[in-house]
Amino acid sequence: MDRFETEGMESLFDSETARHRKLPPTIRRLIVDLKAEHPRLSLGEIASICYVGFGRRPSKHTVKRILEEEPMPLKMVRRFDPYHEIEEPMERRMAVVRLHSEGWAPKSIAGYLGMHKSTVYRVLKRWIEEGEQGLEDKPHGRPSGPLACARSTSRRSRPSGACNRIPTSVRSACTLR
């Protein structure tokens, strides 16, 4: 009777399979660390990140139970600085790609790095289309220099017909002088 009071219904079944399956300590630690690192992560997002990292997706209820059971770390160190505080532009964009490859949702990446969600989508799109070269800085605006002027004039379409033409009578009068 004492065992029933302490363990409840589980005490009636002696087999281990009747009890809750225990998640490995590495997954349990990841769940707690993720919640400490970014408290706004939902239970489902944490489960998805576990699936990407370990190939095993715990239920939302399991994630919630683990967060209630396990102690939260007193101080959590961020793996990535906020987006605009990272010095190298390529490293900024690589942080977005790394978090996405770990299973983070774009909305959570934006919240964690302190950037707009559309920037996350833009970086991921460039990564998908161009690979690592897509993470490098690209020039913005019109090109400058003498070659740029020649290129820009050759691209313009010139009007055809009599527009912008000097009449031959005027031209011949100007050349005779």
N, C-alpha and C. Protein backbone atom coordinates (compact mmCIF):
# COMPACT_ATOMS: atom_id res chain seq x y z
N MET A 1 0.81 -1.19 0.00
CA MET A 1 0.00 0.00 0.00
C MET A 1 0.87 1.27 0.00
N ASP A 2 2.02 1.21 0.65
CA ASP A 2 2.90 2.38 0.69
C ASP A 2 3.40 2.72 -0.71
N ARG A 3 3.72 1.68 -1.48
CA ARG A 3 4.23 1.91 -2.84
C ARG A 3 3.16 2.56 -3.71
N PHE A 4 1.92 2.17 -3.56
CA PHE A 4 0.83 2.75 -4.35
C PHE A 4 0.67 4.24 -4.04
N GLU A 5 0.84 4.59 -2.78
CA GLU A 5 0.70 5.99 -2.40
C GLU A 5 1.82 6.86 -2.96
N THR A 6 3.00 6.31 -3.08
CA THR A 6 4.12 7.11 -3.59
C THR A 6 4.19 7.13 -5.11
N GLU A 7 3.91 5.97 -5.76
CA GLU A 7 4.06 5.89 -7.21
C GLU A 7 2.75 5.96 -7.97
N GLY A 8 1.64 5.79 -7.29
CA GLY A 8 0.34 5.86 -7.97
C GLY A 8 0.07 4.60 -8.78
N MET A 9 -0.65 4.74 -9.90
CA MET A 9 -1.05 3.62 -10.73
C MET A 9 0.13 2.86 -11.31
N GLU A 10 1.25 3.51 -11.48
CA GLU A 10 2.42 2.86 -12.05
C GLU A 10 2.92 1.73 -11.16
N SER A 11 2.65 1.79 -9.88
CA SER A 11 3.11 0.74 -8.98
C SER A 11 2.40 -0.59 -9.23
N LEU A 12 1.24 -0.57 -9.88
CA LEU A 12 0.52 -1.81 -10.17
C LEU A 12 1.17 -2.59 -11.30
N PHE A 13 1.99 -1.93 -12.11
CA PHE A 13 2.66 -2.57 -13.24
C PHE A 13 4.15 -2.55 -12.98
N ASP A 14 4.74 -3.72 -12.90
CA ASP A 14 6.17 -3.79 -12.59
C ASP A 14 7.07 -3.64 -13.80
N SER A 15 6.51 -3.75 -14.98
CA SER A 15 7.37 -3.66 -16.16
C SER A 15 7.83 -2.22 -16.40
N GLU A 16 9.03 -2.10 -16.95
CA GLU A 16 9.59 -0.77 -17.24
C GLU A 16 8.88 -0.10 -18.40
N THR A 17 8.31 -0.88 -19.32
CA THR A 17 7.65 -0.27 -20.48
C THR A 17 6.37 0.44 -20.08
N ALA A 18 5.80 0.07 -18.96
CA ALA A 18 4.58 0.73 -18.51
C ALA A 18 4.89 2.13 -17.98
N ARG A 19 6.12 2.34 -17.58
CA ARG A 19 6.51 3.66 -17.07
C ARG A 19 6.82 4.59 -18.24
N HIS A 20 6.97 5.88 -17.92
CA HIS A 20 7.34 6.85 -18.97
C HIS A 20 8.70 6.50 -19.53
N ARG A 21 8.82 6.63 -20.83
CA ARG A 21 10.14 6.48 -21.42
C ARG A 21 10.94 7.72 -21.05
N LYS A 22 12.12 7.51 -20.61
CA LYS A 22 12.97 8.63 -20.22
C LYS A 22 13.72 9.15 -21.43
N LEU A 23 13.76 10.44 -21.58
CA LEU A 23 14.58 11.04 -22.62
C LEU A 23 16.03 11.02 -22.16
N PRO A 24 16.95 10.86 -23.09
CA PRO A 24 18.37 10.89 -22.71
C PRO A 24 18.74 12.24 -22.08
N PRO A 25 19.72 12.23 -21.21
CA PRO A 25 20.11 13.47 -20.54
C PRO A 25 20.52 14.59 -21.50
N THR A 26 21.09 14.24 -22.65
CA THR A 26 21.50 15.29 -23.60
C THR A 26 20.28 16.03 -24.16
N ILE A 27 19.21 15.31 -24.44
CA ILE A 27 18.00 15.96 -24.95
C ILE A 27 17.35 16.79 -23.85
N ARG A 28 17.32 16.24 -22.64
CA ARG A 28 16.74 16.99 -21.51
C ARG A 28 17.51 18.29 -21.27
N ARG A 29 18.84 18.22 -21.36
CA ARG A 29 19.67 19.42 -21.16
C ARG A 29 19.44 20.43 -22.28
N LEU A 30 19.30 19.94 -23.52
CA LEU A 30 19.04 20.83 -24.64
C LEU A 30 17.72 21.58 -24.46
N ILE A 31 16.70 20.88 -24.01
CA ILE A 31 15.39 21.50 -23.81
C ILE A 31 15.49 22.63 -22.79
N VAL A 32 16.15 22.37 -21.69
CA VAL A 32 16.30 23.39 -20.64
C VAL A 32 17.16 24.55 -21.13
N ASP A 33 18.25 24.24 -21.83
CA ASP A 33 19.14 25.30 -22.32
C ASP A 33 18.45 26.18 -23.37
N LEU A 34 17.67 25.57 -24.25
CA LEU A 34 16.95 26.36 -25.26
C LEU A 34 15.97 27.33 -24.61
N LYS A 35 15.24 26.85 -23.63
CA LYS A 35 14.26 27.71 -22.96
C LYS A 35 14.97 28.82 -22.19
N ALA A 36 16.13 28.53 -21.62
CA ALA A 36 16.89 29.56 -20.90
C ALA A 36 17.50 30.56 -21.87
N GLU A 37 17.95 30.08 -23.03
CA GLU A 37 18.60 30.96 -24.00
C GLU A 37 17.60 31.90 -24.66
N HIS A 38 16.43 31.37 -25.00
CA HIS A 38 15.39 32.20 -25.64
C HIS A 38 14.04 31.81 -25.05
N PRO A 39 13.60 32.48 -23.98
CA PRO A 39 12.36 32.09 -23.29
C PRO A 39 11.11 32.11 -24.15
N ARG A 40 11.12 32.86 -25.26
CA ARG A 40 9.92 32.94 -26.10
C ARG A 40 9.74 31.74 -27.03
N LEU A 41 10.69 30.80 -27.03
CA LEU A 41 10.50 29.60 -27.84
C LEU A 41 9.29 28.82 -27.32
N SER A 42 8.44 28.41 -28.25
CA SER A 42 7.26 27.64 -27.83
C SER A 42 7.68 26.19 -27.60
N LEU A 43 6.80 25.44 -26.95
CA LEU A 43 7.09 24.03 -26.67
C LEU A 43 7.23 23.24 -27.96
N GLY A 44 6.41 23.56 -28.96
CA GLY A 44 6.49 22.87 -30.24
C GLY A 44 7.79 23.16 -30.97
N GLU A 45 8.26 24.42 -30.89
CA GLU A 45 9.53 24.76 -31.53
C GLU A 45 10.69 24.03 -30.87
N ILE A 46 10.65 23.93 -29.55
CA ILE A 46 11.70 23.20 -28.83
C ILE A 46 11.69 21.74 -29.26
N ALA A 47 10.48 21.15 -29.41
CA ALA A 47 10.38 19.76 -29.85
C ALA A 47 10.94 19.60 -31.27
N SER A 48 10.68 20.57 -32.14
CA SER A 48 11.21 20.51 -33.51
C SER A 48 12.73 20.60 -33.52
N ILE A 49 13.29 21.46 -32.70
CA ILE A 49 14.75 21.59 -32.63
C ILE A 49 15.36 20.29 -32.12
N CYS A 50 14.70 19.63 -31.16
CA CYS A 50 15.19 18.32 -30.69
C CYS A 50 15.15 17.29 -31.81
N TYR A 51 14.12 17.35 -32.63
CA TYR A 51 14.01 16.41 -33.75
C TYR A 51 15.13 16.61 -34.76
N VAL A 52 15.42 17.87 -35.07
CA VAL A 52 16.50 18.15 -36.03
C VAL A 52 17.85 17.72 -35.46
N GLY A 53 18.06 17.95 -34.17
CA GLY A 53 19.35 17.63 -33.56
C GLY A 53 19.56 16.17 -33.24
N PHE A 54 18.48 15.47 -32.84
CA PHE A 54 18.65 14.09 -32.36
C PHE A 54 17.79 13.07 -33.10
N GLY A 55 16.93 13.52 -34.00
CA GLY A 55 16.08 12.58 -34.72
C GLY A 55 14.95 12.03 -33.89
N ARG A 56 14.64 12.66 -32.79
CA ARG A 56 13.58 12.22 -31.89
C ARG A 56 12.79 13.44 -31.46
N ARG A 57 11.47 13.41 -31.71
CA ARG A 57 10.62 14.55 -31.38
C ARG A 57 9.80 14.25 -30.12
N PRO A 58 10.16 14.89 -29.02
CA PRO A 58 9.32 14.71 -27.82
C PRO A 58 8.02 15.49 -28.00
N SER A 59 6.98 15.06 -27.31
CA SER A 59 5.71 15.78 -27.40
C SER A 59 5.80 17.10 -26.63
N LYS A 60 4.85 17.97 -26.89
CA LYS A 60 4.81 19.25 -26.17
C LYS A 60 4.63 19.03 -24.68
N HIS A 61 3.87 18.00 -24.34
CA HIS A 61 3.63 17.70 -22.93
C HIS A 61 4.92 17.23 -22.25
N THR A 62 5.72 16.46 -22.96
CA THR A 62 7.00 16.00 -22.42
C THR A 62 7.94 17.19 -22.21
N VAL A 63 7.98 18.09 -23.19
CA VAL A 63 8.83 19.27 -23.07
C VAL A 63 8.40 20.10 -21.86
N LYS A 64 7.11 20.27 -21.70
CA LYS A 64 6.58 21.03 -20.56
C LYS A 64 6.95 20.36 -19.23
N ARG A 65 6.81 19.03 -19.17
CA ARG A 65 7.14 18.29 -17.95
C ARG A 65 8.62 18.42 -17.62
N ILE A 66 9.47 18.34 -18.64
CA ILE A 66 10.92 18.45 -18.40
C ILE A 66 11.27 19.84 -17.90
N LEU A 67 10.63 20.86 -18.48
CA LEU A 67 10.91 22.24 -18.02
C LEU A 67 10.45 22.45 -16.58
N GLU A 68 9.42 21.73 -16.16
CA GLU A 68 8.98 21.83 -14.76
C GLU A 68 9.88 21.05 -13.82
N GLU A 69 10.41 19.91 -14.29
CA GLU A 69 11.23 19.05 -13.45
C GLU A 69 12.66 19.55 -13.30
N GLU A 70 13.27 19.94 -14.40
CA GLU A 70 14.69 20.29 -14.41
C GLU A 70 14.91 21.71 -13.90
N PRO A 71 16.00 21.94 -13.18
CA PRO A 71 16.29 23.31 -12.74
C PRO A 71 16.80 24.16 -13.91
N MET A 72 16.39 25.41 -13.92
CA MET A 72 16.86 26.34 -14.95
C MET A 72 18.25 26.84 -14.57
N PRO A 73 19.13 27.03 -15.55
CA PRO A 73 20.46 27.57 -15.24
C PRO A 73 20.34 29.00 -14.69
N LEU A 74 21.22 29.35 -13.79
CA LEU A 74 21.17 30.67 -13.20
C LEU A 74 21.57 31.74 -14.21
N LYS A 75 22.57 31.45 -15.02
CA LYS A 75 23.04 32.41 -16.01
C LYS A 75 23.25 31.68 -17.32
N MET A 76 22.64 32.19 -18.36
CA MET A 76 22.78 31.57 -19.67
C MET A 76 23.59 32.48 -20.57
N VAL A 77 24.55 31.92 -21.23
CA VAL A 77 25.39 32.67 -22.16
C VAL A 77 24.78 32.53 -23.55
N ARG A 78 24.60 33.65 -24.23
CA ARG A 78 24.08 33.62 -25.60
C ARG A 78 25.13 33.06 -26.54
N ARG A 79 24.69 32.23 -27.46
CA ARG A 79 25.62 31.70 -28.45
C ARG A 79 25.92 32.73 -29.52
N PHE A 80 24.96 33.59 -29.83
CA PHE A 80 25.13 34.62 -30.86
C PHE A 80 24.75 35.97 -30.28
N ASP A 81 25.54 36.98 -30.58
CA ASP A 81 25.19 38.35 -30.21
C ASP A 81 24.00 38.80 -31.06
N PRO A 82 23.35 39.89 -30.66
CA PRO A 82 22.30 40.44 -31.53
C PRO A 82 22.86 40.74 -32.92
N TYR A 83 22.01 40.64 -33.93
CA TYR A 83 22.40 40.71 -35.34
C TYR A 83 23.25 41.94 -35.65
N HIS A 84 22.82 43.10 -35.20
CA HIS A 84 23.52 44.34 -35.57
C HIS A 84 24.77 44.59 -34.73
N GLU A 85 25.03 43.75 -33.74
CA GLU A 85 26.25 43.88 -32.94
C GLU A 85 27.36 42.97 -33.45
N ILE A 86 27.05 42.07 -34.38
CA ILE A 86 28.07 41.20 -34.95
C ILE A 86 28.83 42.02 -36.00
N GLU A 87 30.16 42.06 -35.85
CA GLU A 87 30.99 42.93 -36.68
C GLU A 87 30.95 42.56 -38.17
N GLU A 88 31.27 41.32 -38.49
CA GLU A 88 31.38 40.88 -39.87
C GLU A 88 29.99 40.60 -40.46
N PRO A 89 29.64 41.22 -41.59
CA PRO A 89 28.33 41.00 -42.20
C PRO A 89 28.08 39.54 -42.58
N MET A 90 29.13 38.85 -43.03
CA MET A 90 28.95 37.45 -43.40
C MET A 90 28.66 36.59 -42.17
N GLU A 91 29.30 36.91 -41.04
CA GLU A 91 29.04 36.18 -39.79
C GLU A 91 27.62 36.41 -39.29
N ARG A 92 27.12 37.63 -39.48
CA ARG A 92 25.72 37.92 -39.11
C ARG A 92 24.78 36.97 -39.83
N ARG A 93 24.97 36.91 -41.14
CA ARG A 93 24.08 36.09 -41.96
C ARG A 93 24.29 34.61 -41.67
N MET A 94 25.51 34.23 -41.35
CA MET A 94 25.79 32.83 -41.02
C MET A 94 25.10 32.43 -39.71
N ALA A 95 24.96 33.35 -38.78
CA ALA A 95 24.23 33.06 -37.54
C ALA A 95 22.78 32.71 -37.84
N VAL A 96 22.18 33.43 -38.78
CA VAL A 96 20.80 33.14 -39.18
C VAL A 96 20.71 31.74 -39.78
N VAL A 97 21.66 31.41 -40.65
CA VAL A 97 21.64 30.10 -41.32
C VAL A 97 21.87 28.98 -40.30
N ARG A 98 22.79 29.19 -39.37
CA ARG A 98 23.06 28.15 -38.35
C ARG A 98 21.83 27.89 -37.49
N LEU A 99 21.19 28.94 -37.03
CA LEU A 99 19.99 28.74 -36.21
C LEU A 99 18.90 28.04 -37.01
N HIS A 100 18.74 28.42 -38.27
CA HIS A 100 17.72 27.77 -39.10
C HIS A 100 18.06 26.30 -39.32
N SER A 101 19.33 26.00 -39.50
CA SER A 101 19.73 24.60 -39.72
C SER A 101 19.54 23.76 -38.46
N GLU A 102 19.50 24.40 -37.30
CA GLU A 102 19.23 23.69 -36.05
C GLU A 102 17.75 23.45 -35.83
N GLY A 103 16.91 24.06 -36.66
CA GLY A 103 15.48 23.84 -36.54
C GLY A 103 14.70 25.03 -36.01
N TRP A 104 15.34 26.16 -35.80
CA TRP A 104 14.66 27.34 -35.30
C TRP A 104 13.73 27.89 -36.38
N ALA A 105 12.58 28.38 -35.98
CA ALA A 105 11.63 29.02 -36.89
C ALA A 105 12.11 30.44 -37.20
N PRO A 106 11.80 30.97 -38.38
CA PRO A 106 12.25 32.33 -38.72
C PRO A 106 11.78 33.39 -37.72
N LYS A 107 10.59 33.24 -37.20
CA LYS A 107 10.10 34.22 -36.22
C LYS A 107 10.94 34.18 -34.94
N SER A 108 11.33 33.00 -34.51
CA SER A 108 12.17 32.87 -33.32
C SER A 108 13.58 33.38 -33.57
N ILE A 109 14.11 33.13 -34.76
CA ILE A 109 15.43 33.65 -35.11
C ILE A 109 15.41 35.17 -35.06
N ALA A 110 14.36 35.76 -35.62
CA ALA A 110 14.25 37.22 -35.62
C ALA A 110 14.18 37.77 -34.20
N GLY A 111 13.42 37.11 -33.34
CA GLY A 111 13.32 37.57 -31.95
C GLY A 111 14.62 37.41 -31.20
N TYR A 112 15.29 36.30 -31.40
CA TYR A 112 16.53 36.02 -30.69
C TYR A 112 17.65 36.96 -31.11
N LEU A 113 17.77 37.21 -32.42
CA LEU A 113 18.85 38.06 -32.91
C LEU A 113 18.47 39.54 -32.95
N GLY A 114 17.22 39.87 -32.66
CA GLY A 114 16.79 41.27 -32.63
C GLY A 114 16.75 41.90 -34.00
N MET A 115 16.14 41.23 -34.95
CA MET A 115 16.05 41.73 -36.31
C MET A 115 14.63 41.50 -36.83
N HIS A 116 14.34 42.00 -38.00
CA HIS A 116 13.00 41.84 -38.57
C HIS A 116 12.89 40.48 -39.26
N LYS A 117 11.70 39.93 -39.21
CA LYS A 117 11.47 38.61 -39.80
C LYS A 117 11.75 38.59 -41.30
N SER A 118 11.46 39.70 -41.99
CA SER A 118 11.71 39.74 -43.43
C SER A 118 13.20 39.65 -43.74
N THR A 119 14.05 40.16 -42.84
CA THR A 119 15.50 40.05 -43.03
C THR A 119 15.93 38.59 -42.94
N VAL A 120 15.32 37.86 -42.02
CA VAL A 120 15.63 36.43 -41.89
C VAL A 120 15.28 35.71 -43.19
N TYR A 121 14.09 35.98 -43.72
CA TYR A 121 13.67 35.33 -44.96
C TYR A 121 14.59 35.73 -46.12
N ARG A 122 15.01 36.98 -46.16
CA ARG A 122 15.89 37.45 -47.23
C ARG A 122 17.25 36.73 -47.17
N VAL A 123 17.80 36.60 -45.97
CA VAL A 123 19.09 35.92 -45.81
C VAL A 123 18.96 34.45 -46.20
N LEU A 124 17.90 33.79 -45.76
CA LEU A 124 17.71 32.38 -46.09
C LEU A 124 17.49 32.17 -47.59
N LYS A 125 16.79 33.11 -48.22
CA LYS A 125 16.57 33.01 -49.66
C LYS A 125 17.90 33.12 -50.40
N ARG A 126 18.74 34.08 -50.00
CA ARG A 126 20.05 34.23 -50.64
C ARG A 126 20.91 32.99 -50.41
N TRP A 127 20.82 32.40 -49.23
CA TRP A 127 21.59 31.20 -48.91
C TRP A 127 21.15 30.03 -49.81
N ILE A 128 19.85 29.88 -49.99
CA ILE A 128 19.33 28.79 -50.82
C ILE A 128 19.71 28.99 -52.28
N GLU A 129 19.58 30.21 -52.78
CA GLU A 129 19.83 30.48 -54.20
C GLU A 129 21.31 30.51 -54.56
N GLU A 130 22.15 31.08 -53.68
CA GLU A 130 23.55 31.33 -54.05
C GLU A 130 24.56 30.59 -53.19
N GLY A 131 24.12 29.92 -52.16
CA GLY A 131 25.06 29.22 -51.28
C GLY A 131 25.84 30.19 -50.42
N GLU A 132 27.09 29.84 -50.15
CA GLU A 132 27.92 30.67 -49.27
C GLU A 132 28.22 32.04 -49.86
N GLN A 133 28.27 32.15 -51.19
CA GLN A 133 28.52 33.45 -51.82
C GLN A 133 27.36 34.41 -51.56
N GLY A 134 26.18 33.88 -51.31
CA GLY A 134 25.02 34.71 -51.05
C GLY A 134 25.08 35.41 -49.70
N LEU A 135 25.98 34.96 -48.84
CA LEU A 135 26.12 35.58 -47.52
C LEU A 135 27.07 36.77 -47.52
N GLU A 136 27.83 36.93 -48.60
CA GLU A 136 28.77 38.05 -48.68
C GLU A 136 28.03 39.34 -49.02
N ASP A 137 28.66 40.46 -48.71
CA ASP A 137 28.08 41.76 -49.03
C ASP A 137 28.02 41.95 -50.53
N LYS A 138 26.98 42.63 -50.97
CA LYS A 138 26.84 42.97 -52.39
C LYS A 138 26.73 44.48 -52.50
N PRO A 139 27.24 45.05 -53.59
CA PRO A 139 27.12 46.50 -53.77
C PRO A 139 25.65 46.88 -54.00
N HIS A 140 25.28 48.02 -53.46
CA HIS A 140 23.92 48.53 -53.63
C HIS A 140 23.96 49.79 -54.47
N GLY A 141 22.90 50.07 -55.18
CA GLY A 141 22.82 51.30 -55.96
C GLY A 141 23.42 51.15 -57.33
N ARG A 142 23.59 52.28 -57.99
CA ARG A 142 24.14 52.28 -59.35
C ARG A 142 25.65 52.12 -59.29
N PRO A 143 26.22 51.44 -60.26
CA PRO A 143 27.68 51.33 -60.31
C PRO A 143 28.31 52.68 -60.64
N SER A 144 29.54 52.90 -60.19
CA SER A 144 30.21 54.17 -60.45
C SER A 144 31.45 53.93 -61.31
N GLY A 145 31.98 55.00 -61.89
CA GLY A 145 33.18 54.91 -62.69
C GLY A 145 32.90 55.07 -64.17
N PRO A 146 33.97 55.18 -64.98
CA PRO A 146 33.79 55.42 -66.41
C PRO A 146 33.14 54.25 -67.14
N LEU A 147 33.44 53.03 -66.76
CA LEU A 147 32.83 51.88 -67.43
C LEU A 147 31.34 51.79 -67.12
N ALA A 148 30.97 52.22 -65.93
CA ALA A 148 29.56 52.17 -65.56
C ALA A 148 28.74 53.11 -66.44
N CYS A 149 29.31 54.28 -66.78
CA CYS A 149 28.60 55.22 -67.64
C CYS A 149 28.41 54.63 -69.03
N ALA A 150 29.43 54.00 -69.56
CA ALA A 150 29.33 53.39 -70.89
C ALA A 150 28.31 52.27 -70.90
N ARG A 151 28.30 51.48 -69.82
CA ARG A 151 27.33 50.39 -69.75
C ARG A 151 25.92 50.92 -69.63
N SER A 152 25.74 51.95 -68.82
CA SER A 152 24.38 52.45 -68.61
C SER A 152 23.82 53.10 -69.87
N THR A 153 24.67 53.78 -70.68
CA THR A 153 24.16 54.39 -71.91
C THR A 153 23.87 53.35 -72.97
N SER A 154 24.64 52.27 -72.98
CA SER A 154 24.38 51.25 -74.00
C SER A 154 23.10 50.48 -73.70
N ARG A 155 22.70 50.44 -72.46
CA ARG A 155 21.48 49.72 -72.10
C ARG A 155 20.23 50.50 -72.44
N ARG A 156 20.35 51.81 -72.46
CA ARG A 156 19.17 52.64 -72.72
C ARG A 156 18.71 52.44 -74.15
N SER A 157 17.45 52.41 -74.30
CA SER A 157 16.93 52.30 -75.66
C SER A 157 16.80 53.70 -76.25
N ARG A 158 17.31 53.89 -77.41
CA ARG A 158 17.27 55.20 -78.06
C ARG A 158 16.01 55.27 -78.91
N PRO A 159 15.39 56.41 -78.89
CA PRO A 159 14.17 56.53 -79.69
C PRO A 159 14.48 56.42 -81.18
N SER A 160 13.59 55.81 -81.88
CA SER A 160 13.78 55.65 -83.32
C SER A 160 12.94 56.70 -84.05
N GLY A 161 13.19 56.84 -85.30
CA GLY A 161 12.41 57.79 -86.09
C GLY A 161 13.05 59.16 -86.10
N ALA A 162 12.24 60.19 -86.30
CA ALA A 162 12.73 61.55 -86.48
C ALA A 162 12.99 62.27 -85.17
N CYS A 163 12.67 61.67 -84.05
CA CYS A 163 12.89 62.34 -82.77
C CYS A 163 14.38 62.50 -82.51
N ASN A 164 14.78 63.60 -81.94
CA ASN A 164 16.15 63.89 -81.55
C ASN A 164 17.13 63.94 -82.73
N ARG A 165 16.67 64.07 -83.93
CA ARG A 165 17.56 64.18 -85.09
C ARG A 165 17.67 65.64 -85.51
N ILE A 166 18.85 65.99 -85.92
CA ILE A 166 19.05 67.35 -86.45
C ILE A 166 18.72 67.30 -87.93
N PRO A 167 17.84 68.18 -88.36
CA PRO A 167 17.51 68.17 -89.79
C PRO A 167 18.78 68.37 -90.63
N THR A 168 18.83 67.75 -91.78
CA THR A 168 20.02 67.78 -92.62
C THR A 168 20.31 69.21 -93.10
N SER A 169 19.28 70.02 -93.29
CA SER A 169 19.52 71.39 -93.74
C SER A 169 20.25 72.19 -92.66
N VAL A 170 19.91 71.98 -91.43
CA VAL A 170 20.55 72.67 -90.31
C VAL A 170 21.97 72.14 -90.15
N ARG A 171 22.13 70.85 -90.26
CA ARG A 171 23.44 70.23 -90.09
C ARG A 171 24.41 70.72 -91.16
N SER A 172 23.93 70.75 -92.37
CA SER A 172 24.81 71.20 -93.47
C SER A 172 25.14 72.69 -93.34
N ALA A 173 24.20 73.46 -92.81
CA ALA A 173 24.46 74.88 -92.61
C ALA A 173 25.52 75.09 -91.54
N CYS A 174 25.50 74.26 -90.52
CA CYS A 174 26.46 74.38 -89.42
C CYS A 174 27.83 73.92 -89.84
N THR A 175 27.93 72.95 -90.68
CA THR A 175 29.23 72.44 -91.08
C THR A 175 29.92 73.30 -92.12
N LEU A 176 29.16 74.11 -92.87
CA LEU A 176 29.75 74.95 -93.89
C LEU A 176 30.48 76.13 -93.29
N ARG A 177 30.15 76.56 -92.18
CA ARG A 177 30.79 77.74 -91.58
C ARG A 177 32.15 77.52 -91.16
